[in-house]
Each structure stands twice: as structure tokens, then as C-alpha cells.
Amino acid sequence: MAVIAVIDYDMGNLHSVCKGLEKAGATPYITHSAADLEQADAIVLPGVGAFDPAMQQLRSRGLVEPLRAAIARDQPFLGICLGLQILFDGSEEGEEAGLGVIAGTVRQFQPEPGLTIPHMGWNQLQIIQPDSPLWQQLPPEPWVYFVHSYYVDPVDPQVRAAMVTHGQQTVTAAIAREQLMAVQFHPEKSSTTGLSILANFVQQVASQPSLALTR
């Protein structure tokens, strides 16, 4: 059974994510210990709120370098919502530097007539990487639940795993590169589709050699 570290940095409701991972067959545990990250089979970084406080919380807990190291050694990783955005270099929302593991910037939705910001509610994904583990056994354009005013804009379009259209703007909704995966939407709030996505991540983790034994 996959043991998954869910990072606690005071930026969101972790328990709903843990419940989703448990339903998917994993053993999640909430932690802010760098040592725990090394022992886990995978890492989940959820989050809601603002970019700068998130990075400040990660730095105060000494988690920035351990997170970069985990991603660099290809430890399976899933970022959710703010946990996607802080993978990038920085954000138009604030001044703090992000983790910088994905080149690019977090940008604000541009106002347009009739457009609601934040982008909140159900919307359909446009799958860009159909072979990504996250999308297995899903319909071609699955419905998922979003709550966000900012979106990621990667330098390398190849990392995009899914897009979403809000008004006239089509933006990145998920990224994937090797064992690094992250989504702008909330799988834990996305009903059976979201649980399937979490189950796909857990299955991908379970299919890997035990990282805890090889590290």
C-alpha cells in the first residue's frame, strides 16, 4: 500500500485530500517534516490561498529544498491548486520566488465582459497528454471543480497535461513531467471523477519500485 506524505503548511483543508487518498487505497499522513518526505513513497502538496504566504510557510518549515530534492530524484509528486502554482518561478499575485521547478509564471485572469473571477465551479478539461497516468479510464473531456483567480503559464508547452477554457481564455489546468504531476482543480471536490484521478495517482505510485528502499 502506497504511503503518501501530505504536506501541512497551513494553506488548506488537508483532511478532504487525505480521505480521497484513503478511498483510493493509499495510506496518507499529514506532515511538515523534511525527514518524513524522504521516507514516503510519494508526496502530495495541496493548498488554497495566496502565493506569498504559501512560500513563506514552506520556507519557515524548512521545506523548500527538501521539496526540490524530492522532485529532482523523481519521487512521485502531486500538487493540487496552490500546490501547482508554487512549483513555478513566481506569481503576479505576489513578490516571493516560487520553487522554480517548472519554468514559468503564475498569471491573473484578464477581465472581459461577463467573465466571473475567480473561476469557480465545474468545468471541462481538454486533455493534452492522454497517456498521462492521471487521466486513465476517464471520459475524453471530464468535468472537475475549480476555484482560482490565477493560472500557471509554463515556458515549455510540453509540460501541459490539460487545459481549461474560462470565458475567452484557455489556460493550463494540469502539468505532468515524468513523476511530477499537478492540477489546478480540486480532485477531492470533483466527485467520482476526482476520486478516479486520485486513484490513478495512487496506482502510479504503487507501480514504482519502493523509493523508501532505494533511497
C-alpha atoms as a PDB file:
ATOM      1  CA  MET A   1       0.000   0.000   0.000  1.00  0.00           C
ATOM      2  CA  ALA A   2       1.418   3.387  -1.034  1.00  0.00           C
ATOM      3  CA  VAL A   3       2.443   5.626   1.845  1.00  0.00           C
ATOM      4  CA  ILE A   4       1.869   9.249   0.837  1.00  0.00           C
ATOM      5  CA  ALA A   5       3.066  12.327   2.716  1.00  0.00           C
ATOM      6  CA  VAL A   6       0.507  15.164   2.592  1.00  0.00           C
ATOM      7  CA  ILE A   7       2.305  18.414   3.355  1.00  0.00           C
ATOM      8  CA  ASP A   8       0.905  20.641   6.091  1.00  0.00           C
ATOM      9  CA  TYR A   9       1.873  24.298   5.688  1.00  0.00           C
ATOM     10  CA  ASP A  10      -1.338  25.932   6.972  1.00  0.00           C
ATOM     11  CA  MET A  11      -2.672  26.561   3.462  1.00  0.00           C
ATOM     12  CA  GLY A  12      -5.763  24.450   3.114  1.00  0.00           C
ATOM     13  CA  ASN A  13      -8.052  21.660   4.246  1.00  0.00           C
ATOM     14  CA  LEU A  14      -5.835  18.595   4.205  1.00  0.00           C
ATOM     15  CA  HIS A  15      -8.363  16.148   5.564  1.00  0.00           C
ATOM     16  CA  SER A  16     -10.562  16.002   2.460  1.00  0.00           C
ATOM     17  CA  VAL A  17      -7.457  15.235   0.385  1.00  0.00           C
ATOM     18  CA  CYS A  18      -6.454  12.512   2.829  1.00  0.00           C
ATOM     19  CA  LYS A  19      -9.940  10.995   2.715  1.00  0.00           C
ATOM     20  CA  GLY A  20      -9.777  10.889  -1.076  1.00  0.00           C
ATOM     21  CA  LEU A  21      -6.366   9.204  -0.981  1.00  0.00           C
ATOM     22  CA  GLU A  22      -7.625   6.678   1.576  1.00  0.00           C
ATOM     23  CA  LYS A  23     -10.578   5.824  -0.669  1.00  0.00           C
ATOM     24  CA  ALA A  24      -8.057   5.330  -3.471  1.00  0.00           C
ATOM     25  CA  GLY A  25      -6.235   2.721  -1.382  1.00  0.00           C
ATOM     26  CA  ALA A  26      -3.286   4.754  -0.096  1.00  0.00           C
ATOM     27  CA  THR A  27      -2.042   5.407   3.425  1.00  0.00           C
ATOM     28  CA  PRO A  28      -1.756   9.203   3.686  1.00  0.00           C
ATOM     29  CA  TYR A  29      -0.261  11.048   6.622  1.00  0.00           C
ATOM     30  CA  ILE A  30      -0.088  14.771   7.280  1.00  0.00           C
ATOM     31  CA  THR A  31       3.390  16.124   7.974  1.00  0.00           C
ATOM     32  CA  HIS A  32       5.671  19.150   7.796  1.00  0.00           C
ATOM     33  CA  SER A  33       8.840  17.153   8.450  1.00  0.00           C
ATOM     34  CA  ALA A  34      11.520  17.033   5.764  1.00  0.00           C
ATOM     35  CA  ALA A  35      12.624  13.638   7.096  1.00  0.00           C
ATOM     36  CA  ASP A  36       9.124  12.255   6.548  1.00  0.00           C
ATOM     37  CA  LEU A  37       9.242  13.277   2.889  1.00  0.00           C
ATOM     38  CA  GLU A  38      12.289  11.093   2.295  1.00  0.00           C
ATOM     39  CA  GLN A  39      10.570   8.052   3.770  1.00  0.00           C
ATOM     40  CA  ALA A  40       7.300   8.424   1.860  1.00  0.00           C
ATOM     41  CA  ASP A  41       6.520   6.631  -1.393  1.00  0.00           C
ATOM     42  CA  ALA A  42       5.015   9.856  -2.760  1.00  0.00           C
ATOM     43  CA  ILE A  43       4.222  13.452  -1.830  1.00  0.00           C
ATOM     44  CA  VAL A  44       1.006  15.432  -2.189  1.00  0.00           C
ATOM     45  CA  LEU A  45       1.134  19.229  -1.865  1.00  0.00           C
ATOM     46  CA  PRO A  46      -2.403  20.636  -1.611  1.00  0.00           C
ATOM     47  CA  GLY A  47      -3.197  24.273  -0.975  1.00  0.00           C
ATOM     48  CA  VAL A  48      -5.661  27.127  -1.125  1.00  0.00           C
ATOM     49  CA  GLY A  49      -4.936  30.807  -0.584  1.00  0.00           C
ATOM     50  CA  ALA A  50      -2.289  33.268  -1.716  1.00  0.00           C
ATOM     51  CA  PHE A  51       1.106  32.606  -3.273  1.00  0.00           C
ATOM     52  CA  ASP A  52       3.338  34.666  -0.958  1.00  0.00           C
ATOM     53  CA  PRO A  53       2.036  33.280   2.367  1.00  0.00           C
ATOM     54  CA  ALA A  54       2.358  29.761   0.949  1.00  0.00           C
ATOM     55  CA  MET A  55       6.023  30.218   0.099  1.00  0.00           C
ATOM     56  CA  GLN A  56       6.673  31.923   3.427  1.00  0.00           C
ATOM     57  CA  GLN A  57       5.134  28.983   5.266  1.00  0.00           C
ATOM     58  CA  LEU A  58       7.194  26.465   3.289  1.00  0.00           C
ATOM     59  CA  ARG A  59      10.391  28.403   3.984  1.00  0.00           C
ATOM     60  CA  SER A  60       9.618  28.753   7.702  1.00  0.00           C
ATOM     61  CA  ARG A  61       9.246  24.968   7.915  1.00  0.00           C
ATOM     62  CA  GLY A  62      12.473  24.304   6.012  1.00  0.00           C
ATOM     63  CA  LEU A  63      10.611  22.509   3.225  1.00  0.00           C
ATOM     64  CA  VAL A  64      11.727  24.377   0.099  1.00  0.00           C
ATOM     65  CA  GLU A  65      14.952  22.482  -0.530  1.00  0.00           C
ATOM     66  CA  PRO A  66      13.539  19.077   0.544  1.00  0.00           C
ATOM     67  CA  LEU A  67      10.683  19.537  -1.924  1.00  0.00           C
ATOM     68  CA  ARG A  68      13.055  20.474  -4.728  1.00  0.00           C
ATOM     69  CA  ALA A  69      15.235  17.483  -3.867  1.00  0.00           C
ATOM     70  CA  ALA A  70      12.250  15.099  -3.855  1.00  0.00           C
ATOM     71  CA  ILE A  71      11.159  16.286  -7.301  1.00  0.00           C
ATOM     72  CA  ALA A  72      14.734  16.153  -8.610  1.00  0.00           C
ATOM     73  CA  ARG A  73      15.055  12.495  -7.579  1.00  0.00           C
ATOM     74  CA  ASP A  74      11.770  11.748  -9.393  1.00  0.00           C
ATOM     75  CA  GLN A  75       9.792  10.923  -6.276  1.00  0.00           C
ATOM     76  CA  PRO A  76       6.114  10.763  -7.310  1.00  0.00           C
ATOM     77  CA  PHE A  77       4.555  14.145  -6.566  1.00  0.00           C
ATOM     78  CA  LEU A  78       1.054  15.571  -6.934  1.00  0.00           C
ATOM     79  CA  GLY A  79       0.370  19.290  -6.485  1.00  0.00           C
ATOM     80  CA  ILE A  80      -3.211  20.496  -6.054  1.00  0.00           C
ATOM     81  CA  CYS A  81      -4.428  24.061  -6.773  1.00  0.00           C
ATOM     82  CA  LEU A  82      -1.938  26.357  -4.971  1.00  0.00           C
ATOM     83  CA  GLY A  83       0.316  23.301  -4.831  1.00  0.00           C
ATOM     84  CA  LEU A  84       0.561  23.568  -8.630  1.00  0.00           C
ATOM     85  CA  GLN A  85       1.230  27.298  -8.685  1.00  0.00           C
ATOM     86  CA  ILE A  86       4.137  27.316  -6.232  1.00  0.00           C
ATOM     87  CA  LEU A  87       6.053  24.893  -8.466  1.00  0.00           C
ATOM     88  CA  PHE A  88       6.648  27.858 -10.790  1.00  0.00           C
ATOM     89  CA  ASP A  89       9.207  30.675 -10.701  1.00  0.00           C
ATOM     90  CA  GLY A  90       6.858  33.317  -9.353  1.00  0.00           C
ATOM     91  CA  SER A  91       3.378  34.804  -9.452  1.00  0.00           C
ATOM     92  CA  GLU A  92       1.729  38.040 -10.497  1.00  0.00           C
ATOM     93  CA  GLU A  93      -0.144  37.700  -7.188  1.00  0.00           C
ATOM     94  CA  GLY A  94       2.916  38.477  -5.062  1.00  0.00           C
ATOM     95  CA  GLU A  95       6.636  39.059  -4.736  1.00  0.00           C
ATOM     96  CA  GLU A  96       8.002  35.779  -3.361  1.00  0.00           C
ATOM     97  CA  ALA A  97      10.003  33.380  -5.505  1.00  0.00           C
ATOM     98  CA  GLY A  98       8.354  30.031  -6.083  1.00  0.00           C
ATOM     99  CA  LEU A  99      10.004  26.621  -6.011  1.00  0.00           C
ATOM    100  CA  GLY A 100      11.197  27.148  -9.585  1.00  0.00           C
ATOM    101  CA  VAL A 101      10.989  23.509 -10.613  1.00  0.00           C
ATOM    102  CA  ILE A 102       8.809  24.438 -13.597  1.00  0.00           C
ATOM    103  CA  ALA A 103       9.912  27.466 -15.623  1.00  0.00           C
ATOM    104  CA  GLY A 104       7.115  29.971 -15.975  1.00  0.00           C
ATOM    105  CA  THR A 105       4.863  32.424 -14.203  1.00  0.00           C
ATOM    106  CA  VAL A 106       1.516  32.329 -12.429  1.00  0.00           C
ATOM    107  CA  ARG A 107      -0.748  34.877 -14.146  1.00  0.00           C
ATOM    108  CA  GLN A 108      -4.035  36.553 -13.312  1.00  0.00           C
ATOM    109  CA  PHE A 109      -7.145  36.062 -15.419  1.00  0.00           C
ATOM    110  CA  GLN A 110      -7.732  39.137 -17.584  1.00  0.00           C
ATOM    111  CA  PRO A 111     -11.133  40.802 -17.144  1.00  0.00           C
ATOM    112  CA  GLU A 112     -13.577  40.516 -20.016  1.00  0.00           C
ATOM    113  CA  PRO A 113     -17.301  41.258 -20.339  1.00  0.00           C
ATOM    114  CA  GLY A 114     -19.376  38.744 -18.419  1.00  0.00           C
ATOM    115  CA  LEU A 115     -16.365  36.868 -17.047  1.00  0.00           C
ATOM    116  CA  THR A 116     -16.555  35.809 -13.412  1.00  0.00           C
ATOM    117  CA  ILE A 117     -13.315  35.937 -11.443  1.00  0.00           C
ATOM    118  CA  PRO A 118     -12.476  33.767  -9.624  1.00  0.00           C
ATOM    119  CA  HIS A 119     -13.085  30.880 -11.986  1.00  0.00           C
ATOM    120  CA  MET A 120     -15.300  28.886  -9.635  1.00  0.00           C
ATOM    121  CA  GLY A 121     -17.321  25.765 -10.253  1.00  0.00           C
ATOM    122  CA  TRP A 122     -17.412  22.841 -12.659  1.00  0.00           C
ATOM    123  CA  ASN A 123     -15.645  22.966 -15.996  1.00  0.00           C
ATOM    124  CA  GLN A 124     -14.390  20.506 -18.602  1.00  0.00           C
ATOM    125  CA  LEU A 125     -10.780  19.544 -19.083  1.00  0.00           C
ATOM    126  CA  GLN A 126      -9.196  19.481 -22.522  1.00  0.00           C
ATOM    127  CA  ILE A 127      -6.721  16.620 -22.213  1.00  0.00           C
ATOM    128  CA  ILE A 128      -3.326  17.366 -23.807  1.00  0.00           C
ATOM    129  CA  GLN A 129      -1.388  14.326 -22.557  1.00  0.00           C
ATOM    130  CA  PRO A 130      -3.847  11.436 -22.969  1.00  0.00           C
ATOM    131  CA  ASP A 131      -1.201   8.925 -21.862  1.00  0.00           C
ATOM    132  CA  SER A 132      -0.634  10.652 -18.512  1.00  0.00           C
ATOM    133  CA  PRO A 133      -1.391   8.318 -15.603  1.00  0.00           C
ATOM    134  CA  LEU A 134      -3.832  10.867 -14.152  1.00  0.00           C
ATOM    135  CA  TRP A 135      -6.362  10.539 -16.968  1.00  0.00           C
ATOM    136  CA  GLN A 136      -6.614   6.761 -17.321  1.00  0.00           C
ATOM    137  CA  GLN A 137     -10.177   5.390 -17.560  1.00  0.00           C
ATOM    138  CA  LEU A 138     -11.658   8.912 -17.677  1.00  0.00           C
ATOM    139  CA  PRO A 139     -14.019  10.275 -20.355  1.00  0.00           C
ATOM    140  CA  PRO A 140     -12.397  12.440 -23.067  1.00  0.00           C
ATOM    141  CA  GLU A 141     -13.445  15.801 -21.518  1.00  0.00           C
ATOM    142  CA  PRO A 142     -14.055  15.144 -17.811  1.00  0.00           C
ATOM    143  CA  TRP A 143     -15.791  17.638 -15.546  1.00  0.00           C
ATOM    144  CA  VAL A 144     -13.818  18.817 -12.498  1.00  0.00           C
ATOM    145  CA  TYR A 145     -14.191  21.529  -9.865  1.00  0.00           C
ATOM    146  CA  PHE A 146     -12.157  24.770  -9.942  1.00  0.00           C
ATOM    147  CA  VAL A 147     -11.670  27.683  -7.547  1.00  0.00           C
ATOM    148  CA  HIS A 148      -8.934  30.083  -8.692  1.00  0.00           C
ATOM    149  CA  SER A 149      -8.177  33.617  -9.878  1.00  0.00           C
ATOM    150  CA  TYR A 150      -4.673  32.829 -11.175  1.00  0.00           C
ATOM    151  CA  TYR A 151      -3.382  30.206 -13.602  1.00  0.00           C
ATOM    152  CA  VAL A 152       0.029  28.815 -14.500  1.00  0.00           C
ATOM    153  CA  ASP A 153       1.788  29.762 -17.720  1.00  0.00           C
ATOM    154  CA  PRO A 154       4.699  27.353 -18.341  1.00  0.00           C
ATOM    155  CA  VAL A 155       7.568  28.316 -20.639  1.00  0.00           C
ATOM    156  CA  ASP A 156       7.679  24.800 -22.078  1.00  0.00           C
ATOM    157  CA  PRO A 157       4.263  23.867 -23.528  1.00  0.00           C
ATOM    158  CA  GLN A 158       5.253  20.192 -23.426  1.00  0.00           C
ATOM    159  CA  VAL A 159       4.604  20.045 -19.671  1.00  0.00           C
ATOM    160  CA  ARG A 160       0.912  20.842 -20.151  1.00  0.00           C
ATOM    161  CA  ALA A 161      -1.232  17.818 -19.397  1.00  0.00           C
ATOM    162  CA  ALA A 162      -4.650  19.507 -19.660  1.00  0.00           C
ATOM    163  CA  MET A 163      -6.195  22.879 -20.474  1.00  0.00           C
ATOM    164  CA  VAL A 164      -9.442  24.580 -19.487  1.00  0.00           C
ATOM    165  CA  THR A 165     -11.410  27.413 -21.098  1.00  0.00           C
ATOM    166  CA  HIS A 166     -12.902  30.191 -18.952  1.00  0.00           C
ATOM    167  CA  GLY A 167     -14.588  32.895 -20.992  1.00  0.00           C
ATOM    168  CA  GLN A 168     -12.337  33.559 -23.981  1.00  0.00           C
ATOM    169  CA  GLN A 169      -9.204  32.406 -22.163  1.00  0.00           C
ATOM    170  CA  THR A 170      -7.818  28.873 -22.498  1.00  0.00           C
ATOM    171  CA  VAL A 171      -5.244  28.207 -19.779  1.00  0.00           C
ATOM    172  CA  THR A 172      -3.224  25.370 -18.289  1.00  0.00           C
ATOM    173  CA  ALA A 173      -5.257  23.191 -15.930  1.00  0.00           C
ATOM    174  CA  ALA A 174      -2.647  20.491 -15.220  1.00  0.00           C
ATOM    175  CA  ILE A 175       1.020  19.747 -15.820  1.00  0.00           C
ATOM    176  CA  ALA A 176       2.921  16.471 -15.964  1.00  0.00           C
ATOM    177  CA  ARG A 177       6.609  15.689 -16.383  1.00  0.00           C
ATOM    178  CA  GLU A 178       7.870  12.216 -15.513  1.00  0.00           C
ATOM    179  CA  GLN A 179       6.734  11.593 -11.891  1.00  0.00           C
ATOM    180  CA  LEU A 180       5.811  15.244 -11.277  1.00  0.00           C
ATOM    181  CA  MET A 181       2.091  15.923 -11.695  1.00  0.00           C
ATOM    182  CA  ALA A 182      -0.010  18.867 -10.575  1.00  0.00           C
ATOM    183  CA  VAL A 183      -3.547  20.116 -11.189  1.00  0.00           C
ATOM    184  CA  GLN A 184      -5.253  23.498 -10.824  1.00  0.00           C
ATOM    185  CA  PHE A 185      -8.626  21.981  -9.973  1.00  0.00           C
ATOM    186  CA  HIS A 186      -9.611  20.175  -6.763  1.00  0.00           C
ATOM    187  CA  PRO A 187      -9.872  16.400  -7.305  1.00  0.00           C
ATOM    188  CA  GLU A 188     -11.060  15.979  -3.717  1.00  0.00           C
ATOM    189  CA  LYS A 189     -14.097  18.148  -4.622  1.00  0.00           C
ATOM    190  CA  SER A 190     -14.653  16.655  -8.086  1.00  0.00           C
ATOM    191  CA  SER A 191     -16.941  13.737  -7.202  1.00  0.00           C
ATOM    192  CA  THR A 192     -16.247  10.352  -8.802  1.00  0.00           C
ATOM    193  CA  THR A 193     -14.001  11.863 -11.483  1.00  0.00           C
ATOM    194  CA  GLY A 194     -11.761  13.418  -8.846  1.00  0.00           C
ATOM    195  CA  LEU A 195     -11.589  10.183  -6.887  1.00  0.00           C
ATOM    196  CA  SER A 196     -10.615   8.397 -10.105  1.00  0.00           C
ATOM    197  CA  ILE A 197      -7.794  10.894 -10.658  1.00  0.00           C
ATOM    198  CA  LEU A 198      -6.519  10.359  -7.115  1.00  0.00           C
ATOM    199  CA  ALA A 199      -6.810   6.598  -7.612  1.00  0.00           C
ATOM    200  CA  ASN A 200      -4.804   6.878 -10.835  1.00  0.00           C
ATOM    201  CA  PHE A 201      -2.063   8.754  -8.962  1.00  0.00           C
ATOM    202  CA  VAL A 202      -2.040   6.134  -6.211  1.00  0.00           C
ATOM    203  CA  GLN A 203      -1.834   3.358  -8.813  1.00  0.00           C
ATOM    204  CA  GLN A 204       1.091   5.113 -10.481  1.00  0.00           C
ATOM    205  CA  VAL A 205       2.876   5.334  -7.124  1.00  0.00           C
ATOM    206  CA  ALA A 206       2.183   1.673  -6.383  1.00  0.00           C
ATOM    207  CA  SER A 207       3.645   0.667  -9.740  1.00  0.00           C
ATOM    208  CA  GLN A 208       7.042   2.232  -8.916  1.00  0.00           C
ATOM    209  CA  PRO A 209       9.897   0.463  -7.115  1.00  0.00           C
ATOM    210  CA  SER A 210       9.794   1.276  -3.411  1.00  0.00           C
ATOM    211  CA  LEU A 211      11.512   4.627  -3.163  1.00  0.00           C
ATOM    212  CA  ALA A 212      11.832   4.249   0.567  1.00  0.00           C
ATOM    213  CA  LEU A 213      14.002   1.161  -0.006  1.00  0.00           C
ATOM    214  CA  THR A 214      16.132   2.609  -2.806  1.00  0.00           C
ATOM    215  CA  ARG A 215      16.943   5.954  -1.208  1.00  0.00           C
END
